[in-house]
Amino acid sequence: MRQEYSGFEKKLLDFAQGVPSISAIARGNNPEDEGMITYWMIVSAPYDRDRSDAITALELAQGNFFLAEWPSADVKSYPFLGKVIWRR
């Protein structure tokens, strides 16, 4: 896992550390727009509107990246998820 993080990644890690259901963050791409960097929040809990809204608010504040959720039980064989940059 990476040891050096960009300013945005540090904000993302701070956010994820405060949300127990986020078990990891991966830096990959969007399968519909492969040129766009996407940070995938790997979640270990069912859909939660408050968590999803908070992720969307964080994405809107930055604007240069996509942020998305992906279930932790379903992470294998999806190359667009990229590499894990943080794990709880």
N, C-alpha and C. Protein backbone atom coordinates (compact mmCIF):
# COMPACT_ATOMS: atom_id res chain seq x y z
N MET A 1 0.83 -1.18 0.00
CA MET A 1 0.00 0.00 0.00
C MET A 1 0.88 1.25 0.00
N ARG A 2 0.35 2.29 -0.57
CA ARG A 2 1.10 3.54 -0.68
C ARG A 2 1.27 4.18 0.69
N GLN A 3 2.38 4.83 0.88
CA GLN A 3 2.65 5.53 2.12
C GLN A 3 2.48 7.04 1.98
N GLU A 4 2.65 7.57 0.76
CA GLU A 4 2.51 9.00 0.52
C GLU A 4 1.17 9.24 -0.16
N TYR A 5 0.45 10.23 0.32
CA TYR A 5 -0.88 10.53 -0.21
C TYR A 5 -0.96 11.98 -0.64
N SER A 6 -1.74 12.24 -1.68
CA SER A 6 -2.00 13.62 -2.09
C SER A 6 -2.87 14.29 -1.05
N GLY A 7 -3.03 15.60 -1.15
CA GLY A 7 -3.89 16.33 -0.22
C GLY A 7 -5.31 15.81 -0.24
N PHE A 8 -5.84 15.54 -1.43
CA PHE A 8 -7.19 15.00 -1.53
C PHE A 8 -7.27 13.61 -0.93
N GLU A 9 -6.27 12.76 -1.19
CA GLU A 9 -6.29 11.42 -0.62
C GLU A 9 -6.25 11.45 0.90
N LYS A 10 -5.53 12.41 1.47
CA LYS A 10 -5.50 12.54 2.93
C LYS A 10 -6.89 12.88 3.45
N LYS A 11 -7.61 13.78 2.76
CA LYS A 11 -8.98 14.11 3.16
C LYS A 11 -9.88 12.87 3.06
N LEU A 12 -9.67 12.11 2.01
CA LEU A 12 -10.46 10.90 1.79
C LEU A 12 -10.19 9.87 2.89
N LEU A 13 -8.93 9.70 3.27
CA LEU A 13 -8.59 8.78 4.34
C LEU A 13 -9.17 9.23 5.67
N ASP A 14 -9.10 10.53 5.95
CA ASP A 14 -9.69 11.05 7.19
C ASP A 14 -11.19 10.75 7.21
N PHE A 15 -11.85 10.96 6.07
CA PHE A 15 -13.28 10.67 5.97
C PHE A 15 -13.54 9.19 6.24
N ALA A 16 -12.81 8.32 5.55
CA ALA A 16 -13.02 6.87 5.65
C ALA A 16 -12.77 6.35 7.06
N GLN A 17 -11.78 6.92 7.74
CA GLN A 17 -11.48 6.47 9.10
C GLN A 17 -12.63 6.77 10.06
N GLY A 18 -13.44 7.77 9.72
CA GLY A 18 -14.59 8.11 10.56
C GLY A 18 -15.86 7.35 10.22
N VAL A 19 -15.80 6.50 9.20
CA VAL A 19 -16.98 5.72 8.77
C VAL A 19 -16.63 4.24 8.91
N PRO A 20 -17.09 3.60 9.98
CA PRO A 20 -16.70 2.20 10.25
C PRO A 20 -17.01 1.21 9.13
N SER A 21 -18.02 1.47 8.33
CA SER A 21 -18.38 0.51 7.28
C SER A 21 -17.49 0.59 6.05
N ILE A 22 -16.61 1.59 5.97
CA ILE A 22 -15.64 1.64 4.86
C ILE A 22 -14.41 0.87 5.30
N SER A 23 -14.17 -0.26 4.63
CA SER A 23 -13.06 -1.13 5.04
C SER A 23 -11.78 -0.87 4.25
N ALA A 24 -11.90 -0.20 3.10
CA ALA A 24 -10.72 0.07 2.28
C ALA A 24 -11.06 1.14 1.25
N ILE A 25 -10.01 1.71 0.65
CA ILE A 25 -10.16 2.63 -0.47
C ILE A 25 -9.23 2.15 -1.57
N ALA A 26 -9.78 2.05 -2.77
CA ALA A 26 -8.98 1.66 -3.94
C ALA A 26 -8.98 2.81 -4.94
N ARG A 27 -7.86 3.00 -5.61
CA ARG A 27 -7.75 4.02 -6.65
C ARG A 27 -7.74 3.31 -7.99
N GLY A 28 -8.81 3.50 -8.75
CA GLY A 28 -8.93 2.84 -10.04
C GLY A 28 -9.52 3.77 -11.06
N ASN A 29 -10.42 3.26 -11.87
CA ASN A 29 -11.07 4.10 -12.85
C ASN A 29 -12.54 3.74 -12.96
N ASN A 30 -13.25 4.57 -13.68
CA ASN A 30 -14.67 4.36 -13.91
C ASN A 30 -14.82 3.50 -15.16
N PRO A 31 -15.49 2.36 -15.09
CA PRO A 31 -15.60 1.50 -16.27
C PRO A 31 -16.32 2.17 -17.44
N GLU A 32 -17.11 3.20 -17.17
CA GLU A 32 -17.80 3.91 -18.24
C GLU A 32 -16.98 5.07 -18.80
N ASP A 33 -15.94 5.48 -18.07
CA ASP A 33 -15.06 6.56 -18.50
C ASP A 33 -13.67 6.24 -17.98
N GLU A 34 -12.96 5.37 -18.68
CA GLU A 34 -11.70 4.83 -18.18
C GLU A 34 -10.63 5.88 -17.94
N GLY A 35 -10.78 7.05 -18.51
CA GLY A 35 -9.80 8.11 -18.30
C GLY A 35 -9.99 8.85 -16.99
N MET A 36 -11.12 8.64 -16.32
CA MET A 36 -11.41 9.36 -15.09
C MET A 36 -11.00 8.54 -13.87
N ILE A 37 -10.11 9.11 -13.07
CA ILE A 37 -9.70 8.45 -11.82
C ILE A 37 -10.91 8.32 -10.92
N THR A 38 -11.06 7.14 -10.34
CA THR A 38 -12.17 6.88 -9.42
C THR A 38 -11.62 6.28 -8.13
N TYR A 39 -12.02 6.86 -7.02
CA TYR A 39 -11.67 6.30 -5.72
C TYR A 39 -12.87 5.48 -5.27
N TRP A 40 -12.64 4.20 -5.08
CA TRP A 40 -13.70 3.26 -4.68
C TRP A 40 -13.65 3.04 -3.18
N MET A 41 -14.74 3.36 -2.50
CA MET A 41 -14.88 3.07 -1.08
C MET A 41 -15.40 1.65 -0.97
N ILE A 42 -14.58 0.77 -0.46
CA ILE A 42 -14.98 -0.62 -0.30
C ILE A 42 -15.73 -0.72 1.02
N VAL A 43 -17.02 -1.04 0.93
CA VAL A 43 -17.88 -1.02 2.11
C VAL A 43 -18.26 -2.43 2.54
N SER A 44 -18.37 -2.59 3.86
CA SER A 44 -18.69 -3.90 4.43
C SER A 44 -20.08 -3.91 5.06
N ALA A 45 -20.94 -3.03 4.60
CA ALA A 45 -22.30 -2.94 5.15
C ALA A 45 -23.26 -2.64 4.00
N PRO A 46 -24.53 -2.92 4.20
CA PRO A 46 -25.51 -2.61 3.15
C PRO A 46 -25.56 -1.11 2.86
N TYR A 47 -26.29 -0.78 1.80
CA TYR A 47 -26.46 0.61 1.40
C TYR A 47 -26.91 1.46 2.59
N ASP A 48 -26.30 2.61 2.71
CA ASP A 48 -26.65 3.56 3.76
C ASP A 48 -26.74 4.94 3.12
N ARG A 49 -27.92 5.52 3.15
CA ARG A 49 -28.13 6.80 2.46
C ARG A 49 -27.23 7.90 3.02
N ASP A 50 -27.06 7.96 4.34
CA ASP A 50 -26.22 9.00 4.93
C ASP A 50 -24.77 8.86 4.48
N ARG A 51 -24.28 7.63 4.45
CA ARG A 51 -22.91 7.40 3.99
C ARG A 51 -22.78 7.79 2.52
N SER A 52 -23.73 7.36 1.71
CA SER A 52 -23.71 7.67 0.29
C SER A 52 -23.78 9.18 0.04
N ASP A 53 -24.64 9.87 0.78
CA ASP A 53 -24.75 11.33 0.65
C ASP A 53 -23.45 12.02 1.06
N ALA A 54 -22.80 11.52 2.11
CA ALA A 54 -21.53 12.11 2.55
C ALA A 54 -20.44 11.91 1.50
N ILE A 55 -20.42 10.75 0.87
CA ILE A 55 -19.44 10.49 -0.20
C ILE A 55 -19.71 11.42 -1.37
N THR A 56 -20.97 11.59 -1.73
CA THR A 56 -21.33 12.49 -2.83
C THR A 56 -20.92 13.93 -2.51
N ALA A 57 -21.15 14.37 -1.28
CA ALA A 57 -20.78 15.73 -0.89
C ALA A 57 -19.27 15.92 -0.98
N LEU A 58 -18.51 14.91 -0.59
CA LEU A 58 -17.05 14.97 -0.68
C LEU A 58 -16.62 15.05 -2.14
N GLU A 59 -17.26 14.28 -2.99
CA GLU A 59 -16.95 14.30 -4.43
C GLU A 59 -17.25 15.67 -5.02
N LEU A 60 -18.39 16.24 -4.70
CA LEU A 60 -18.78 17.54 -5.24
C LEU A 60 -17.83 18.64 -4.79
N ALA A 61 -17.28 18.51 -3.60
CA ALA A 61 -16.34 19.50 -3.08
C ALA A 61 -15.03 19.49 -3.86
N GLN A 62 -14.68 18.35 -4.46
CA GLN A 62 -13.42 18.23 -5.18
C GLN A 62 -13.58 18.44 -6.68
N GLY A 63 -14.49 17.69 -7.28
CA GLY A 63 -14.79 17.87 -8.68
C GLY A 63 -13.84 17.25 -9.68
N ASN A 64 -12.66 16.81 -9.28
CA ASN A 64 -11.69 16.26 -10.23
C ASN A 64 -11.70 14.74 -10.31
N PHE A 65 -12.44 14.10 -9.43
CA PHE A 65 -12.43 12.66 -9.33
C PHE A 65 -13.86 12.15 -9.16
N PHE A 66 -14.04 10.88 -9.49
CA PHE A 66 -15.28 10.21 -9.13
C PHE A 66 -15.04 9.50 -7.80
N LEU A 67 -16.05 9.47 -6.97
CA LEU A 67 -16.03 8.66 -5.76
C LEU A 67 -17.20 7.71 -5.85
N ALA A 68 -16.98 6.47 -5.46
CA ALA A 68 -18.03 5.47 -5.57
C ALA A 68 -17.88 4.43 -4.48
N GLU A 69 -18.96 3.70 -4.23
CA GLU A 69 -18.96 2.61 -3.27
C GLU A 69 -18.94 1.28 -4.01
N TRP A 70 -18.35 0.26 -3.39
CA TRP A 70 -18.34 -1.08 -3.94
C TRP A 70 -18.38 -2.05 -2.77
N PRO A 71 -19.23 -3.08 -2.83
CA PRO A 71 -19.34 -4.02 -1.69
C PRO A 71 -18.07 -4.86 -1.51
N SER A 72 -17.66 -5.00 -0.25
CA SER A 72 -16.42 -5.73 0.03
C SER A 72 -16.53 -7.21 -0.32
N ALA A 73 -17.73 -7.75 -0.33
CA ALA A 73 -17.91 -9.17 -0.66
C ALA A 73 -17.76 -9.43 -2.16
N ASP A 74 -17.60 -8.39 -2.95
CA ASP A 74 -17.60 -8.54 -4.40
C ASP A 74 -16.47 -7.73 -5.04
N VAL A 75 -15.23 -7.93 -4.58
CA VAL A 75 -14.12 -7.13 -5.10
C VAL A 75 -13.18 -7.87 -6.04
N LYS A 76 -13.29 -9.16 -6.10
CA LYS A 76 -12.36 -9.92 -6.95
C LYS A 76 -12.79 -9.85 -8.41
N SER A 77 -11.83 -9.90 -9.27
CA SER A 77 -12.04 -9.95 -10.72
C SER A 77 -12.64 -8.67 -11.31
N TYR A 78 -12.41 -7.56 -10.68
CA TYR A 78 -12.86 -6.28 -11.21
C TYR A 78 -11.65 -5.35 -11.34
N PRO A 79 -10.94 -5.41 -12.46
CA PRO A 79 -9.71 -4.64 -12.60
C PRO A 79 -9.91 -3.13 -12.51
N PHE A 80 -11.11 -2.63 -12.82
CA PHE A 80 -11.32 -1.19 -12.75
C PHE A 80 -11.25 -0.65 -11.32
N LEU A 81 -11.32 -1.53 -10.32
CA LEU A 81 -11.19 -1.08 -8.93
C LEU A 81 -9.78 -0.60 -8.63
N GLY A 82 -8.81 -1.02 -9.42
CA GLY A 82 -7.44 -0.55 -9.26
C GLY A 82 -6.74 -1.16 -8.06
N LYS A 83 -5.93 -0.33 -7.40
CA LYS A 83 -5.12 -0.80 -6.27
C LYS A 83 -5.60 -0.18 -4.97
N VAL A 84 -5.55 -0.98 -3.93
CA VAL A 84 -5.92 -0.50 -2.60
C VAL A 84 -4.86 0.49 -2.12
N ILE A 85 -5.32 1.68 -1.71
CA ILE A 85 -4.38 2.68 -1.17
C ILE A 85 -4.49 2.79 0.35
N TRP A 86 -5.57 2.26 0.90
CA TRP A 86 -5.77 2.29 2.35
C TRP A 86 -6.67 1.13 2.75
N ARG A 87 -6.34 0.53 3.88
CA ARG A 87 -7.15 -0.57 4.42
C ARG A 87 -7.26 -0.38 5.93
N ARG A 88 -8.46 -0.60 6.43
CA ARG A 88 -8.69 -0.45 7.87
C ARG A 88 -7.94 -1.53 8.62
